[in-house]
């Protein structure tokens, strides 16, 4: 799953792709970000568990 997000950021994003690891509820969360301006639209089956997205 992580590789898919990284590939997507390189192919469809803009500028630098940044990976950030952080602790989240006793687990590790990895954020993938780029400098693109496209709005994130999550398919229903892939929506983050948290209610906020970027």
PDB file of N, CA and C in Angstrom:
ATOM      1  N   UNK A   1       0.820  -1.190   0.000  1.00  0.00           N
ATOM      2  CA  UNK A   1       0.000   0.000   0.000  1.00  0.00           C
ATOM      3  C   UNK A   1       0.871   1.264   0.000  1.00  0.00           C
ATOM      4  N   UNK A   2       1.917   1.258   0.790  1.00  0.00           N
ATOM      5  CA  UNK A   2       2.782   2.435   0.857  1.00  0.00           C
ATOM      6  C   UNK A   2       3.413   2.736  -0.499  1.00  0.00           C
ATOM      7  N   UNK A   3       3.873   1.705  -1.191  1.00  0.00           N
ATOM      8  CA  UNK A   3       4.491   1.914  -2.502  1.00  0.00           C
ATOM      9  C   UNK A   3       3.504   2.540  -3.487  1.00  0.00           C
ATOM     10  N   UNK A   4       2.241   2.145  -3.422  1.00  0.00           N
ATOM     11  CA  UNK A   4       1.219   2.712  -4.305  1.00  0.00           C
ATOM     12  C   UNK A   4       1.064   4.210  -4.039  1.00  0.00           C
ATOM     13  N   UNK A   5       1.047   4.605  -2.776  1.00  0.00           N
ATOM     14  CA  UNK A   5       0.907   6.026  -2.431  1.00  0.00           C
ATOM     15  C   UNK A   5       2.121   6.837  -2.891  1.00  0.00           C
ATOM     16  N   UNK A   6       3.310   6.270  -2.727  1.00  0.00           N
ATOM     17  CA  UNK A   6       4.522   6.959  -3.161  1.00  0.00           C
ATOM     18  C   UNK A   6       4.536   7.101  -4.683  1.00  0.00           C
ATOM     19  N   UNK A   7       4.238   6.014  -5.399  1.00  0.00           N
ATOM     20  CA  UNK A   7       4.188   6.068  -6.861  1.00  0.00           C
ATOM     21  C   UNK A   7       3.180   7.107  -7.331  1.00  0.00           C
ATOM     22  N   UNK A   8       2.011   7.135  -6.697  1.00  0.00           N
ATOM     23  CA  UNK A   8       0.981   8.098  -7.072  1.00  0.00           C
ATOM     24  C   UNK A   8       1.459   9.536  -6.871  1.00  0.00           C
ATOM     25  N   UNK A   9       2.133   9.794  -5.765  1.00  0.00           N
ATOM     26  CA  UNK A   9       2.639  11.140  -5.498  1.00  0.00           C
ATOM     27  C   UNK A   9       3.653  11.562  -6.558  1.00  0.00           C
ATOM     28  N   UNK A  10       4.537  10.651  -6.960  1.00  0.00           N
ATOM     29  CA  UNK A  10       5.520  10.970  -7.996  1.00  0.00           C
ATOM     30  C   UNK A  10       4.877  11.168  -9.372  1.00  0.00           C
ATOM     31  N   UNK A  11       3.914  10.344  -9.697  1.00  0.00           N
ATOM     32  CA  UNK A  11       3.285  10.413 -11.022  1.00  0.00           C
ATOM     33  C   UNK A  11       2.310  11.568 -11.177  1.00  0.00           C
ATOM     34  N   UNK A  12       1.523  11.830 -10.138  1.00  0.00           N
ATOM     35  CA  UNK A  12       0.425  12.785 -10.270  1.00  0.00           C
ATOM     36  C   UNK A  12       0.591  14.038  -9.429  1.00  0.00           C
ATOM     37  N   UNK A  13       1.553  14.045  -8.533  1.00  0.00           N
ATOM     38  CA  UNK A  13       1.772  15.204  -7.672  1.00  0.00           C
ATOM     39  C   UNK A  13       2.722  16.195  -8.317  1.00  0.00           C
ATOM     40  N   UNK A  14       3.091  17.158  -7.541  1.00  0.00           N
ATOM     41  CA  UNK A  14       4.041  18.176  -7.993  1.00  0.00           C
ATOM     42  C   UNK A  14       5.091  18.383  -6.919  1.00  0.00           C
ATOM     43  N   UNK A  15       6.287  18.728  -7.335  1.00  0.00           N
ATOM     44  CA  UNK A  15       7.345  19.066  -6.386  1.00  0.00           C
ATOM     45  C   UNK A  15       7.851  17.874  -5.600  1.00  0.00           C
ATOM     46  N   UNK A  16       8.358  18.155  -4.437  1.00  0.00           N
ATOM     47  CA  UNK A  16       8.970  17.169  -3.562  1.00  0.00           C
ATOM     48  C   UNK A  16       7.926  16.245  -2.952  1.00  0.00           C
ATOM     49  N   UNK A  17       8.238  14.953  -2.892  1.00  0.00           N
ATOM     50  CA  UNK A  17       7.401  13.992  -2.182  1.00  0.00           C
ATOM     51  C   UNK A  17       8.036  13.784  -0.811  1.00  0.00           C
ATOM     52  N   UNK A  18       7.232  13.932   0.244  1.00  0.00           N
ATOM     53  CA  UNK A  18       7.726  13.827   1.608  1.00  0.00           C
ATOM     54  C   UNK A  18       7.040  12.687   2.338  1.00  0.00           C
ATOM     55  N   UNK A  19       7.825  11.852   3.015  1.00  0.00           N
ATOM     56  CA  UNK A  19       7.297  10.793   3.873  1.00  0.00           C
ATOM     57  C   UNK A  19       7.555  11.198   5.315  1.00  0.00           C
ATOM     58  N   UNK A  20       6.534  11.080   6.150  1.00  0.00           N
ATOM     59  CA  UNK A  20       6.661  11.413   7.559  1.00  0.00           C
ATOM     60  C   UNK A  20       6.117  10.255   8.383  1.00  0.00           C
ATOM     61  N   UNK A  21       6.929   9.735   9.305  1.00  0.00           N
ATOM     62  CA  UNK A  21       6.485   8.673  10.206  1.00  0.00           C
ATOM     63  C   UNK A  21       6.137   9.315  11.552  1.00  0.00           C
ATOM     64  N   UNK A  22       5.033   8.823  12.148  1.00  0.00           N
ATOM     65  CA  UNK A  22       4.604   9.354  13.440  1.00  0.00           C
ATOM     66  C   UNK A  22       3.904   8.253  14.220  1.00  0.00           C
ATOM     67  N   UNK A  23       3.856   8.411  15.531  1.00  0.00           N
ATOM     68  CA  UNK A  23       3.139   7.483  16.392  1.00  0.00           C
ATOM     69  C   UNK A  23       1.663   7.831  16.356  1.00  0.00           C
ATOM     70  N   UNK A  24       0.828   6.816  16.292  1.00  0.00           N
ATOM     71  CA  UNK A  24      -0.610   7.035  16.251  1.00  0.00           C
ATOM     72  C   UNK A  24      -1.323   5.900  16.968  1.00  0.00           C
ATOM     73  N   UNK A  25      -1.739   6.157  18.189  1.00  0.00           N
ATOM     74  CA  UNK A  25      -2.480   5.147  18.939  1.00  0.00           C
ATOM     75  C   UNK A  25      -1.722   3.853  19.159  1.00  0.00           C
ATOM     76  N   UNK A  26      -0.443   3.940  19.443  1.00  0.00           N
ATOM     77  CA  UNK A  26       0.361   2.746  19.683  1.00  0.00           C
ATOM     78  C   UNK A  26       0.872   2.067  18.422  1.00  0.00           C
ATOM     79  N   UNK A  27       0.629   2.669  17.263  1.00  0.00           N
ATOM     80  CA  UNK A  27       1.111   2.128  15.986  1.00  0.00           C
ATOM     81  C   UNK A  27       1.909   3.212  15.272  1.00  0.00           C
ATOM     82  N   UNK A  28       2.498   2.868  14.158  1.00  0.00           N
ATOM     83  CA  UNK A  28       3.222   3.838  13.344  1.00  0.00           C
ATOM     84  C   UNK A  28       2.347   4.218  12.155  1.00  0.00           C
ATOM     85  N   UNK A  29       2.170   5.514  11.935  1.00  0.00           N
ATOM     86  CA  UNK A  29       1.457   6.018  10.759  1.00  0.00           C
ATOM     87  C   UNK A  29       2.485   6.678   9.855  1.00  0.00           C
ATOM     88  N   UNK A  30       2.361   6.470   8.565  1.00  0.00           N
ATOM     89  CA  UNK A  30       3.274   7.082   7.599  1.00  0.00           C
ATOM     90  C   UNK A  30       2.450   7.947   6.661  1.00  0.00           C
ATOM     91  N   UNK A  31       2.768   9.233   6.626  1.00  0.00           N
ATOM     92  CA  UNK A  31       2.085  10.181   5.754  1.00  0.00           C
ATOM     93  C   UNK A  31       2.916  10.387   4.487  1.00  0.00           C
ATOM     94  N   UNK A  32       2.255  10.403   3.344  1.00  0.00           N
ATOM     95  CA  UNK A  32       2.895  10.682   2.062  1.00  0.00           C
ATOM     96  C   UNK A  32       2.294  11.975   1.543  1.00  0.00           C
ATOM     97  N   UNK A  33       3.132  12.959   1.257  1.00  0.00           N
ATOM     98  CA  UNK A  33       2.633  14.262   0.799  1.00  0.00           C
ATOM     99  C   UNK A  33       3.450  14.755  -0.381  1.00  0.00           C
ATOM    100  N   UNK A  34       2.818  15.542  -1.232  1.00  0.00           N
ATOM    101  CA  UNK A  34       3.529  16.218  -2.309  1.00  0.00           C
ATOM    102  C   UNK A  34       3.049  17.663  -2.335  1.00  0.00           C
ATOM    103  N   UNK A  35       3.562  18.454  -3.243  1.00  0.00           N
ATOM    104  CA  UNK A  35       3.238  19.877  -3.293  1.00  0.00           C
ATOM    105  C   UNK A  35       2.136  20.189  -4.296  1.00  0.00           C
ATOM    106  N   UNK A  36       1.456  19.179  -4.790  1.00  0.00           N
ATOM    107  CA  UNK A  36       0.375  19.384  -5.754  1.00  0.00           C
ATOM    108  C   UNK A  36      -0.815  20.084  -5.129  1.00  0.00           C
ATOM    109  N   UNK A  37      -1.659  20.638  -5.973  1.00  0.00           N
ATOM    110  CA  UNK A  37      -2.808  21.395  -5.483  1.00  0.00           C
ATOM    111  C   UNK A  37      -4.119  20.652  -5.652  1.00  0.00           C
ATOM    112  N   UNK A  38      -4.071  19.407  -6.112  1.00  0.00           N
ATOM    113  CA  UNK A  38      -5.306  18.649  -6.343  1.00  0.00           C
ATOM    114  C   UNK A  38      -5.986  18.312  -5.023  1.00  0.00           C
ATOM    115  N   UNK A  39      -7.300  18.383  -5.031  1.00  0.00           N
ATOM    116  CA  UNK A  39      -8.077  18.010  -3.860  1.00  0.00           C
ATOM    117  C   UNK A  39      -8.066  16.493  -3.716  1.00  0.00           C
ATOM    118  N   UNK A  40      -7.957  16.028  -2.478  1.00  0.00           N
ATOM    119  CA  UNK A  40      -7.950  14.591  -2.212  1.00  0.00           C
ATOM    120  C   UNK A  40      -9.387  14.090  -2.198  1.00  0.00           C
ATOM    121  N   UNK A  41      -9.671  13.076  -3.006  1.00  0.00           N
ATOM    122  CA  UNK A  41     -10.987  12.437  -3.020  1.00  0.00           C
ATOM    123  C   UNK A  41     -10.767  10.961  -2.731  1.00  0.00           C
ATOM    124  N   UNK A  42     -11.184  10.521  -1.559  1.00  0.00           N
ATOM    125  CA  UNK A  42     -10.972   9.145  -1.130  1.00  0.00           C
ATOM    126  C   UNK A  42     -12.118   8.254  -1.574  1.00  0.00           C
ATOM    127  N   UNK A  43     -11.821   7.119  -2.214  1.00  0.00           N
ATOM    128  CA  UNK A  43     -12.871   6.126  -2.448  1.00  0.00           C
ATOM    129  C   UNK A  43     -13.400   5.651  -1.094  1.00  0.00           C
ATOM    130  N   UNK A  44     -14.655   5.292  -1.000  1.00  0.00           N
ATOM    131  CA  UNK A  44     -15.273   4.921   0.277  1.00  0.00           C
ATOM    132  C   UNK A  44     -14.482   3.855   1.023  1.00  0.00           C
ATOM    133  N   UNK A  45     -13.947   2.859   0.327  1.00  0.00           N
ATOM    134  CA  UNK A  45     -13.236   1.778   1.008  1.00  0.00           C
ATOM    135  C   UNK A  45     -11.855   2.186   1.501  1.00  0.00           C
ATOM    136  N   UNK A  46     -11.362   3.353   1.101  1.00  0.00           N
ATOM    137  CA  UNK A  46     -10.025   3.785   1.491  1.00  0.00           C
ATOM    138  C   UNK A  46     -10.040   5.026   2.378  1.00  0.00           C
ATOM    139  N   UNK A  47     -11.188   5.475   2.808  1.00  0.00           N
ATOM    140  CA  UNK A  47     -11.248   6.685   3.629  1.00  0.00           C
ATOM    141  C   UNK A  47     -10.467   6.485   4.923  1.00  0.00           C
ATOM    142  N   UNK A  48      -9.742   7.520   5.332  1.00  0.00           N
ATOM    143  CA  UNK A  48      -9.013   7.424   6.601  1.00  0.00           C
ATOM    144  C   UNK A  48      -9.993   7.218   7.750  1.00  0.00           C
ATOM    145  N   UNK A  49      -9.549   6.564   8.802  1.00  0.00           N
ATOM    146  CA  UNK A  49     -10.405   6.355   9.967  1.00  0.00           C
ATOM    147  C   UNK A  49     -10.677   7.665  10.686  1.00  0.00           C
ATOM    148  N   UNK A  50      -9.729   8.580  10.665  1.00  0.00           N
ATOM    149  CA  UNK A  50      -9.928   9.893  11.285  1.00  0.00           C
ATOM    150  C   UNK A  50     -10.875  10.707  10.420  1.00  0.00           C
ATOM    151  N   UNK A  51     -11.548  11.673  11.024  1.00  0.00           N
ATOM    152  CA  UNK A  51     -12.535  12.440  10.280  1.00  0.00           C
ATOM    153  C   UNK A  51     -11.920  13.587   9.479  1.00  0.00           C
ATOM    154  N   UNK A  52     -10.663  13.932   9.744  1.00  0.00           N
ATOM    155  CA  UNK A  52     -10.047  15.036   9.024  1.00  0.00           C
ATOM    156  C   UNK A  52      -9.053  14.527   8.002  1.00  0.00           C
ATOM    157  N   UNK A  53      -9.050  15.149   6.834  1.00  0.00           N
ATOM    158  CA  UNK A  53      -8.091  14.832   5.781  1.00  0.00           C
ATOM    159  C   UNK A  53      -7.424  16.122   5.373  1.00  0.00           C
ATOM    160  N   UNK A  54      -6.128  16.194   5.576  1.00  0.00           N
ATOM    161  CA  UNK A  54      -5.312  17.368   5.257  1.00  0.00           C
ATOM    162  C   UNK A  54      -6.091  18.615   5.469  1.00  0.00           C
TER     163      UNK A  54
END
